[in-house]
Amino acid sequence: MKLDYKRTVYIGFAFFLICAFWQAYDTIIPLTLTNKFGLSQTVSGIIMALDNVLALFLLPLFGAISDRHRSRFGKRTPFIVFGTSVSVVAFMALAVIDRWQKSALTAAAGSAEPEAMMAAAAKTTEQNPEILVIFIGVLLVILLSMATFRSPAVALMPDVTVKPLRSKANAVINLMGTAGGILVLVLGMVFATGAQKHATMSYIPFFGAVAAIMVLALAIFLWKVREPKFVEQMRKESALYGIKEETEAESNRRLGKGEKRSLLFLLASIVLWFMAYNAVTSKYSVYATNILKKDYNLTLMIAQAAAVISYLPVGMIASRIGRKRSILSGVAMLTTAFAVAAFLREGSPDVLMYAMFILAGIGWATINVNSFPMVVEMCRGGDVGKYTGIYYTASMAAQTLTPLLSGYLMDCLGMTVLFPYAAGFAALAMGTMLFVKHGDNKPTAKRGLEALDIED
């Protein structure tokens, strides 16, 4: 039994375009809100949390809806096409509104210098709030459209992959997503979006490049992915290898007491490590610009590159020592990286921050490859979209709260509280993960790439 890598990569283009979008969103939108609209870190954090508030309800909803959707294109593909199309159009509209606000700032400040424009931002927004209102309105359209297809896109992988190969396939899907994020970071370096002298730049060219990447990824997905055909192939493979498909009754069975406890502790762990990691990803562009005086693009790209390199080796290690131990080691790496980064300031050696982000990238890859399969393993249901929604509800609950909480603390205690905050939540995640007793794989002695064939 071997994974069809080529097919899995093509399926991964849906996740590729999702991650490309969110990388651009998480780095540029906070800069726009604070530098061009003059909002505080707290208010910016509230707005940045909107996508996660919506996701709490919409990701499980559209995951379940897609489970029951039937069309000649499959269950998931129509959601991916619709959501991407609307998001791309709205994303470009957002860039135009951003340019509109820049023009208003230039007129109010009487200068095109970033410092003068940023100084005039809060007053300009107070006097002319309509641009901010329109900006947030279009932002909501984007967030709604992105929420319609994230769960279907992720659920497509288990739909077309036989159970023993899903952990290996999950590593490939994560590779694709990380590659999308890295590509956008490279674009950020090309357009110098992280340079202090470009703090109030127009993002139309950058947004246009990101939108083009999303469209191209969708085109490749539609060209190469035939969802109904792939699903049928998966069923035939399952029958060939004697892999049992759950009946409707088994799919909806009640979890045992021990399984429920483990699932709750695993979901708590997911919440805690996302509280740590998302605080850094959503605030690092502001932190790097103001505290470290560095270009955030290169640092984040190094972390993502470390994750890309780590995914397959992480799968091999997990097949030997188990998912739980792998996740615990990943959380330990994340905690260490954030704790050390808390002591770095302007003038600290660049190589030390890069080393910490490499460690964080490896840790995050270790967590990501194993956590989603653990949720699916414990639930054991055939309702893949529903369980994908459960996983994302936990992660999005954290991502709803952490930009607000970290932003509030940064306003009250200073920006340097960011990394101690992240290290603390990562350490808490290690504690809750120790109580997870179900959902692990049985370590085997397989070698090479076959070591990634983890029983799900």
Protein backbone atom coordinates (compact mmCIF):
# COMPACT_ATOMS: atom_id res chain seq x y z
CA MET A 1 0.00 0.00 0.00
CA LYS A 2 1.63 3.23 -1.17
CA LEU A 3 0.56 6.84 -1.11
CA ASP A 4 -0.02 8.46 -4.49
CA TYR A 5 2.22 11.48 -3.89
CA LYS A 6 1.36 13.21 -7.15
CA ARG A 7 -2.36 13.03 -6.49
CA THR A 8 -1.92 14.21 -2.91
CA VAL A 9 0.14 17.20 -4.06
CA TYR A 10 -2.57 18.21 -6.51
CA ILE A 11 -5.18 17.94 -3.75
CA GLY A 12 -2.85 20.05 -1.59
CA PHE A 13 -3.12 23.03 -3.94
CA ALA A 14 -6.41 23.90 -2.21
CA PHE A 15 -4.58 24.18 1.12
CA PHE A 16 -1.68 25.91 -0.67
CA LEU A 17 -3.89 28.82 -1.74
CA ILE A 18 -5.55 29.00 1.68
CA CYS A 19 -2.20 29.36 3.44
CA ALA A 20 -0.94 31.83 0.85
CA PHE A 21 -3.93 34.05 1.59
CA TRP A 22 -3.62 33.83 5.39
CA GLN A 23 0.10 34.56 5.30
CA ALA A 24 -0.61 37.80 3.46
CA TYR A 25 -3.59 38.58 5.69
CA ASP A 26 -1.80 37.98 9.01
CA THR A 27 1.19 40.15 8.11
CA ILE A 28 -0.35 43.02 6.14
CA ILE A 29 -3.73 43.67 7.76
CA PRO A 30 -2.27 44.45 11.25
CA LEU A 31 0.13 46.93 9.63
CA THR A 32 -2.71 48.57 7.72
CA LEU A 33 -4.94 48.84 10.79
CA THR A 34 -2.24 50.35 13.00
CA ASN A 35 -0.12 52.36 10.55
CA LYS A 36 -2.79 53.67 8.16
CA PHE A 37 -5.91 53.78 10.32
CA GLY A 38 -4.14 54.60 13.60
CA LEU A 39 -5.89 51.91 15.62
CA SER A 40 -4.48 50.66 18.91
CA GLN A 41 -3.07 47.16 19.30
CA THR A 42 -6.20 46.18 21.26
CA VAL A 43 -8.65 47.36 18.60
CA SER A 44 -6.46 45.88 15.88
CA GLY A 45 -6.49 42.60 17.81
CA ILE A 46 -10.30 42.64 17.95
CA ILE A 47 -10.51 43.08 14.18
CA MET A 48 -7.87 40.41 13.59
CA ALA A 49 -9.95 38.06 15.73
CA LEU A 50 -13.04 38.48 13.52
CA ASP A 51 -12.05 35.68 11.16
CA ASN A 52 -11.67 33.32 14.09
CA VAL A 53 -15.02 34.32 15.62
CA LEU A 54 -16.72 33.55 12.32
CA ALA A 55 -14.71 30.35 11.92
CA LEU A 56 -15.95 29.02 15.27
CA PHE A 57 -19.40 28.69 13.76
CA LEU A 58 -18.80 28.52 10.02
CA LEU A 59 -16.04 25.91 9.78
CA PRO A 60 -18.02 23.14 11.52
CA LEU A 61 -21.16 24.26 9.66
CA PHE A 62 -19.67 24.14 6.16
CA GLY A 63 -17.74 20.98 7.01
CA ALA A 64 -21.02 19.26 7.89
CA ILE A 65 -22.85 20.78 4.90
CA SER A 66 -20.16 19.55 2.52
CA ASP A 67 -20.46 16.05 4.04
CA ARG A 68 -24.03 15.96 2.78
CA HIS A 69 -23.54 17.85 -0.48
CA ARG A 70 -23.85 15.90 -3.71
CA SER A 71 -22.86 17.10 -7.17
CA ARG A 72 -21.14 15.72 -10.24
CA PHE A 73 -18.02 17.60 -9.13
CA GLY A 74 -17.99 15.93 -5.71
CA LYS A 75 -18.74 17.04 -2.15
CA ARG A 76 -15.86 19.43 -1.56
CA THR A 77 -14.81 20.91 -4.92
CA PRO A 78 -17.79 23.29 -5.40
CA PHE A 79 -17.07 24.92 -2.03
CA ILE A 80 -13.40 25.37 -2.93
CA VAL A 81 -14.21 27.01 -6.28
CA PHE A 82 -16.87 29.36 -4.90
CA GLY A 83 -14.94 30.42 -1.81
CA THR A 84 -11.70 31.09 -3.67
CA SER A 85 -13.39 33.09 -6.43
CA VAL A 86 -15.20 35.43 -4.04
CA SER A 87 -12.13 35.82 -1.84
CA VAL A 88 -9.87 36.86 -4.71
CA VAL A 89 -12.26 39.56 -5.94
CA ALA A 90 -12.83 40.94 -2.43
CA PHE A 91 -9.09 40.81 -1.68
CA MET A 92 -8.33 43.10 -4.60
CA ALA A 93 -11.14 45.42 -3.53
CA LEU A 94 -9.48 45.62 -0.12
CA ALA A 95 -6.22 46.72 -1.76
CA VAL A 96 -8.05 49.54 -3.57
CA ILE A 97 -9.60 50.75 -0.29
CA ASP A 98 -6.16 50.60 1.35
CA ARG A 99 -4.84 52.85 -1.42
CA TRP A 100 -7.77 55.20 -0.86
CA GLN A 101 -6.83 55.53 2.83
CA LYS A 102 -3.20 56.22 1.89
CA SER A 103 -4.31 59.09 -0.33
CA ALA A 104 -6.38 60.52 2.53
CA LEU A 105 -3.37 60.29 4.85
CA THR A 106 -1.06 61.99 2.36
CA ALA A 107 -3.51 64.88 2.03
CA ALA A 108 -3.99 65.18 5.81
CA ALA A 109 -0.28 65.00 6.65
CA GLY A 110 0.81 67.18 3.76
CA SER A 111 3.62 64.72 3.17
CA ALA A 112 4.24 61.26 1.75
CA GLU A 113 6.76 60.43 4.49
CA PRO A 114 5.68 57.35 6.51
CA GLU A 115 6.31 59.02 9.89
CA ALA A 116 4.12 62.00 9.06
CA MET A 117 1.35 59.81 7.63
CA MET A 118 1.36 57.47 10.64
CA ALA A 119 1.20 60.44 13.00
CA ALA A 120 -1.89 61.70 11.17
CA ALA A 121 -3.57 58.28 10.88
CA ALA A 122 -5.70 58.24 14.05
CA LYS A 123 -7.01 61.78 13.56
CA THR A 124 -7.73 61.17 9.88
CA THR A 125 -9.72 58.03 10.72
CA GLU A 126 -11.62 59.85 13.45
CA GLN A 127 -12.56 62.66 11.05
CA ASN A 128 -13.34 60.34 8.12
CA PRO A 129 -14.40 56.95 9.55
CA GLU A 130 -16.25 55.87 6.40
CA ILE A 131 -13.09 54.46 4.78
CA LEU A 132 -12.46 52.25 7.82
CA VAL A 133 -16.11 51.12 7.83
CA ILE A 134 -15.91 50.13 4.15
CA PHE A 135 -12.55 48.44 4.75
CA ILE A 136 -14.00 46.31 7.57
CA GLY A 137 -17.11 45.55 5.49
CA VAL A 138 -15.03 44.15 2.63
CA LEU A 139 -12.86 42.35 5.17
CA LEU A 140 -15.98 40.56 6.44
CA VAL A 141 -16.86 39.45 2.90
CA ILE A 142 -13.38 37.96 2.54
CA LEU A 143 -13.56 36.21 5.90
CA LEU A 144 -16.98 34.73 5.14
CA SER A 145 -15.90 33.45 1.74
CA MET A 146 -12.68 31.92 3.13
CA ALA A 147 -14.66 30.19 5.88
CA THR A 148 -16.95 28.46 3.37
CA PHE A 149 -14.24 26.19 2.00
CA ARG A 150 -11.49 25.65 4.59
CA SER A 151 -13.09 22.58 6.21
CA PRO A 152 -14.12 21.06 2.84
CA ALA A 153 -10.59 21.60 1.50
CA VAL A 154 -8.99 19.86 4.49
CA ALA A 155 -11.62 17.10 4.58
CA LEU A 156 -10.89 16.23 0.95
CA MET A 157 -7.62 14.54 1.90
CA PRO A 158 -9.21 11.87 4.14
CA ASP A 159 -12.02 11.47 1.58
CA VAL A 160 -9.59 10.24 -1.08
CA THR A 161 -6.90 8.57 1.08
CA VAL A 162 -7.13 5.13 2.65
CA LYS A 163 -6.86 5.19 6.45
CA PRO A 164 -3.34 3.81 6.95
CA LEU A 165 -1.90 6.51 4.67
CA ARG A 166 -3.65 9.57 6.07
CA SER A 167 -0.86 10.66 8.38
CA LYS A 168 1.63 10.53 5.52
CA ALA A 169 -0.83 12.42 3.30
CA ASN A 170 -1.35 14.97 6.07
CA ALA A 171 2.39 15.67 6.03
CA VAL A 172 2.23 16.30 2.27
CA ILE A 173 -0.79 18.59 2.63
CA ASN A 174 1.02 20.56 5.34
CA LEU A 175 4.04 20.82 3.07
CA MET A 176 1.86 22.35 0.39
CA GLY A 177 0.32 24.81 2.83
CA THR A 178 3.69 25.87 4.18
CA ALA A 179 5.02 26.27 0.64
CA GLY A 180 2.16 28.70 -0.05
CA GLY A 181 3.06 30.71 3.04
CA ILE A 182 6.75 30.80 2.11
CA LEU A 183 5.98 31.98 -1.41
CA VAL A 184 4.02 34.93 -0.03
CA LEU A 185 6.86 35.76 2.38
CA VAL A 186 9.26 35.78 -0.58
CA LEU A 187 6.89 38.16 -2.34
CA GLY A 188 6.91 40.30 0.80
CA MET A 189 10.67 40.54 0.57
CA VAL A 190 10.50 41.37 -3.14
CA PHE A 191 7.97 44.16 -2.50
CA ALA A 192 9.76 45.12 0.77
CA THR A 193 6.50 45.13 2.72
CA GLY A 194 8.42 44.80 6.00
CA ALA A 195 10.73 47.77 5.47
CA GLN A 196 10.11 50.63 7.88
CA LYS A 197 10.31 53.15 5.04
CA HIS A 198 7.39 51.31 3.39
CA ALA A 199 5.19 51.32 6.52
CA THR A 200 2.45 53.17 4.64
CA MET A 201 3.05 51.80 1.13
CA SER A 202 0.26 50.91 -1.29
CA TYR A 203 -0.37 47.15 -1.24
CA ILE A 204 -2.12 46.92 -4.62
CA PRO A 205 0.87 45.30 -6.44
CA PHE A 206 1.51 42.89 -3.55
CA PHE A 207 -2.17 41.93 -3.17
CA GLY A 208 -2.39 41.47 -6.94
CA ALA A 209 0.53 39.02 -6.88
CA VAL A 210 -1.04 37.06 -4.02
CA ALA A 211 -4.40 36.95 -5.81
CA ALA A 212 -2.68 35.66 -8.96
CA ILE A 213 -1.06 32.87 -6.94
CA MET A 214 -4.46 31.87 -5.54
CA VAL A 215 -6.05 31.80 -8.99
CA LEU A 216 -3.17 29.76 -10.44
CA ALA A 217 -3.36 27.26 -7.57
CA LEU A 218 -7.11 26.87 -8.08
CA ALA A 219 -6.58 26.33 -11.82
CA ILE A 220 -4.07 23.54 -11.16
CA PHE A 221 -6.43 21.98 -8.62
CA LEU A 222 -9.34 21.97 -11.09
CA TRP A 223 -7.11 20.66 -13.88
CA LYS A 224 -5.75 17.72 -11.97
CA VAL A 225 -8.25 16.80 -9.24
CA ARG A 226 -11.28 14.64 -10.12
CA GLU A 227 -12.87 14.27 -6.71
CA PRO A 228 -15.57 11.64 -7.50
CA LYS A 229 -13.03 9.48 -9.33
CA PHE A 230 -10.49 9.72 -6.49
CA VAL A 231 -13.13 8.86 -3.88
CA GLU A 232 -14.14 5.78 -5.82
CA GLN A 233 -10.49 4.72 -6.12
CA MET A 234 -10.10 5.09 -2.36
CA ARG A 235 -13.11 2.83 -1.73
CA LYS A 236 -11.75 0.18 -4.07
CA GLU A 237 -8.34 0.32 -2.38
CA SER A 238 -9.97 0.02 1.04
CA ALA A 239 -11.92 -3.03 -0.09
CA LEU A 240 -8.81 -4.55 -1.66
CA TYR A 241 -6.84 -4.30 1.57
CA GLY A 242 -9.75 -5.27 3.80
CA ILE A 243 -10.05 -1.87 5.45
CA LYS A 244 -13.44 -1.59 7.12
CA GLU A 245 -15.61 1.41 6.38
CA GLU A 246 -17.78 2.50 9.34
CA THR A 247 -21.52 2.07 9.10
CA GLU A 248 -23.81 4.99 9.94
CA ALA A 249 -24.42 3.54 13.40
CA GLU A 250 -20.71 3.12 14.10
CA SER A 251 -20.00 6.55 12.73
CA ASN A 252 -22.31 8.13 15.32
CA ARG A 253 -21.39 5.91 18.25
CA ARG A 254 -20.77 7.48 21.66
CA LEU A 255 -17.19 7.74 22.83
CA GLY A 256 -16.13 5.86 25.93
CA LYS A 257 -15.37 7.74 29.14
CA GLY A 258 -11.62 7.47 28.64
CA GLU A 259 -11.87 8.53 25.00
CA LYS A 260 -13.97 11.57 25.94
CA ARG A 261 -11.41 12.61 28.54
CA SER A 262 -8.55 12.22 26.09
CA LEU A 263 -10.41 14.11 23.39
CA LEU A 264 -11.14 17.00 25.76
CA PHE A 265 -7.51 17.20 26.89
CA LEU A 266 -6.33 17.04 23.28
CA LEU A 267 -8.70 19.84 22.29
CA ALA A 268 -7.50 21.86 25.29
CA SER A 269 -3.91 21.31 24.13
CA ILE A 270 -4.83 22.48 20.64
CA VAL A 271 -6.36 25.65 22.11
CA LEU A 272 -3.26 26.35 24.21
CA TRP A 273 -0.61 25.86 21.54
CA PHE A 274 -2.61 27.95 19.08
CA MET A 275 -2.89 30.65 21.76
CA ALA A 276 0.93 30.67 21.77
CA TYR A 277 1.70 30.32 18.09
CA ASN A 278 -1.00 32.57 16.63
CA ALA A 279 -0.11 35.40 19.02
CA VAL A 280 3.34 35.46 17.43
CA THR A 281 2.19 35.09 13.82
CA SER A 282 -0.48 37.79 14.14
CA LYS A 283 1.71 40.32 16.00
CA TYR A 284 5.26 39.58 14.86
CA SER A 285 5.17 41.98 11.91
CA VAL A 286 4.43 44.85 14.33
CA TYR A 287 6.88 43.51 16.96
CA ALA A 288 9.75 43.11 14.49
CA THR A 289 9.21 46.57 13.00
CA ASN A 290 9.02 48.41 16.33
CA ILE A 291 11.15 46.38 18.78
CA LEU A 292 13.72 44.47 16.73
CA LYS A 293 13.93 46.95 13.84
CA LYS A 294 14.12 43.99 11.46
CA ASP A 295 12.32 42.86 8.31
CA TYR A 296 9.78 40.32 9.53
CA ASN A 297 9.51 38.55 6.15
CA LEU A 298 12.89 36.81 6.30
CA THR A 299 12.45 35.60 9.88
CA LEU A 300 9.02 34.13 9.20
CA MET A 301 10.23 32.60 5.94
CA ILE A 302 13.06 30.85 7.78
CA ALA A 303 10.57 29.36 10.25
CA GLN A 304 8.34 28.16 7.43
CA ALA A 305 11.31 26.70 5.54
CA ALA A 306 12.31 24.77 8.66
CA ALA A 307 8.78 23.39 8.87
CA VAL A 308 8.84 22.31 5.21
CA ILE A 309 12.10 20.43 5.67
CA SER A 310 10.79 18.82 8.86
CA TYR A 311 7.43 17.40 7.78
CA LEU A 312 8.58 14.08 6.32
CA PRO A 313 11.26 13.39 8.96
CA VAL A 314 8.68 14.22 11.64
CA GLY A 315 6.39 11.58 10.17
CA MET A 316 9.20 9.03 10.28
CA ILE A 317 9.95 9.81 13.91
CA ALA A 318 6.26 9.68 14.86
CA SER A 319 5.98 6.18 13.38
CA ARG A 320 8.70 5.06 15.78
CA ILE A 321 7.93 6.90 19.01
CA GLY A 322 4.22 7.61 18.55
CA ARG A 323 2.13 10.71 17.94
CA LYS A 324 1.84 11.79 21.57
CA ARG A 325 5.57 11.76 22.25
CA SER A 326 6.17 13.55 18.96
CA ILE A 327 3.70 16.28 19.87
CA LEU A 328 5.23 16.67 23.34
CA SER A 329 8.67 17.13 21.79
CA GLY A 330 7.23 19.69 19.36
CA VAL A 331 5.59 21.67 22.17
CA ALA A 332 8.88 21.60 24.11
CA MET A 333 10.68 23.06 21.09
CA LEU A 334 8.03 25.75 20.70
CA THR A 335 8.27 26.70 24.39
CA THR A 336 12.06 26.92 24.26
CA ALA A 337 12.09 29.01 21.08
CA PHE A 338 9.60 31.57 22.40
CA ALA A 339 11.28 31.74 25.83
CA VAL A 340 14.68 32.53 24.30
CA ALA A 341 13.18 34.99 21.78
CA ALA A 342 11.71 36.93 24.71
CA PHE A 343 15.22 38.14 25.62
CA LEU A 344 16.16 39.38 22.13
CA ARG A 345 16.07 43.09 21.31
CA GLU A 346 17.32 45.52 18.69
CA GLY A 347 21.01 44.80 18.21
CA SER A 348 20.74 41.13 19.22
CA PRO A 349 22.49 38.82 16.74
CA ASP A 350 20.22 38.07 13.79
CA VAL A 351 21.42 34.48 13.75
CA LEU A 352 20.02 33.87 17.24
CA MET A 353 16.51 34.98 16.28
CA TYR A 354 16.75 32.92 13.09
CA ALA A 355 17.81 29.88 15.14
CA MET A 356 14.83 30.30 17.47
CA PHE A 357 12.41 30.57 14.56
CA ILE A 358 13.95 27.46 12.97
CA LEU A 359 13.31 25.65 16.26
CA ALA A 360 9.75 27.01 16.36
CA GLY A 361 9.17 25.91 12.77
CA ILE A 362 10.32 22.36 13.50
CA GLY A 363 8.22 22.25 16.65
CA TRP A 364 5.13 23.51 14.86
CA ALA A 365 5.59 20.96 12.07
CA THR A 366 5.87 18.18 14.66
CA ILE A 367 2.60 19.28 16.27
CA ASN A 368 0.71 19.79 13.00
CA VAL A 369 1.53 16.45 11.38
CA ASN A 370 0.24 14.49 14.37
CA SER A 371 -2.59 16.45 16.03
CA PHE A 372 -5.27 16.26 13.32
CA PRO A 373 -4.84 12.46 12.85
CA MET A 374 -5.17 12.03 16.64
CA VAL A 375 -8.56 13.77 16.61
CA VAL A 376 -9.74 11.62 13.70
CA GLU A 377 -8.39 8.46 15.36
CA MET A 378 -10.33 9.04 18.56
CA CYS A 379 -13.59 9.94 16.86
CA ARG A 380 -13.34 7.08 14.35
CA GLY A 381 -16.40 8.36 12.49
CA GLY A 382 -17.02 8.40 8.77
CA ASP A 383 -18.30 11.96 9.00
CA VAL A 384 -14.95 13.50 8.05
CA GLY A 385 -16.15 17.08 7.60
CA LYS A 386 -17.77 17.06 11.05
CA TYR A 387 -14.56 15.97 12.77
CA THR A 388 -12.51 18.38 10.73
CA GLY A 389 -14.85 21.05 12.08
CA ILE A 390 -14.25 19.88 15.66
CA TYR A 391 -10.50 20.23 15.19
CA TYR A 392 -10.84 23.70 13.68
CA THR A 393 -13.33 24.84 16.32
CA ALA A 394 -10.66 24.23 18.95
CA SER A 395 -7.91 25.97 16.97
CA MET A 396 -10.11 28.89 15.98
CA ALA A 397 -11.33 29.40 19.54
CA ALA A 398 -7.73 30.11 20.48
CA GLN A 399 -7.12 32.28 17.44
CA THR A 400 -10.23 34.28 18.32
CA LEU A 401 -9.00 35.12 21.78
CA THR A 402 -5.23 35.39 21.44
CA PRO A 403 -4.92 38.45 19.12
CA LEU A 404 -7.22 40.35 21.49
CA LEU A 405 -5.54 39.20 24.69
CA SER A 406 -1.98 39.57 23.41
CA GLY A 407 -2.82 42.97 21.89
CA TYR A 408 -4.32 44.16 25.19
CA LEU A 409 -1.26 43.02 27.14
CA MET A 410 1.05 44.67 24.60
CA ASP A 411 -0.86 47.94 25.04
CA CYS A 412 -0.74 47.68 28.85
CA LEU A 413 2.70 46.16 29.47
CA GLY A 414 4.57 46.97 26.27
CA MET A 415 5.26 45.03 23.09
CA THR A 416 7.99 42.97 24.75
CA VAL A 417 5.35 40.88 26.55
CA LEU A 418 4.60 39.02 23.28
CA PHE A 419 7.14 36.19 23.53
CA PRO A 420 6.78 35.53 27.31
CA TYR A 421 3.03 35.30 26.66
CA ALA A 422 3.58 32.75 23.87
CA ALA A 423 6.08 30.70 25.88
CA GLY A 424 3.66 30.49 28.82
CA PHE A 425 0.78 29.11 26.78
CA ALA A 426 3.06 26.63 25.00
CA ALA A 427 4.21 25.32 28.40
CA LEU A 428 0.58 24.91 29.51
CA ALA A 429 -0.13 22.89 26.35
CA MET A 430 2.58 20.44 27.33
CA GLY A 431 0.84 19.92 30.68
CA THR A 432 -2.58 19.14 29.20
CA MET A 433 -1.10 16.91 26.51
CA LEU A 434 0.30 14.59 29.20
CA PHE A 435 -3.27 13.58 30.08
CA VAL A 436 -4.13 12.41 26.52
CA LYS A 437 -4.28 8.59 26.58
CA HIS A 438 -6.05 7.78 23.29
CA GLY A 439 -5.58 8.58 19.60
CA ASP A 440 -1.95 7.52 19.39
CA ASN A 441 -0.51 5.22 16.77
CA LYS A 442 1.41 2.09 17.66
CA PRO A 443 5.12 2.68 16.98
CA THR A 444 6.57 0.36 14.37
CA ALA A 445 10.04 -0.47 13.14
CA LYS A 446 9.42 0.52 9.53
CA ARG A 447 12.18 2.30 7.65
CA GLY A 448 12.46 5.19 5.25
CA LEU A 449 9.34 6.66 3.70
CA GLU A 450 7.36 3.56 4.65
CA ALA A 451 7.74 4.72 8.24
CA LEU A 452 5.14 7.35 7.42
CA ASP A 453 2.44 4.71 6.88
CA ILE A 454 0.73 5.34 10.20
CA GLU A 455 -2.42 3.45 11.05
CA ASP A 456 -5.34 5.84 11.39
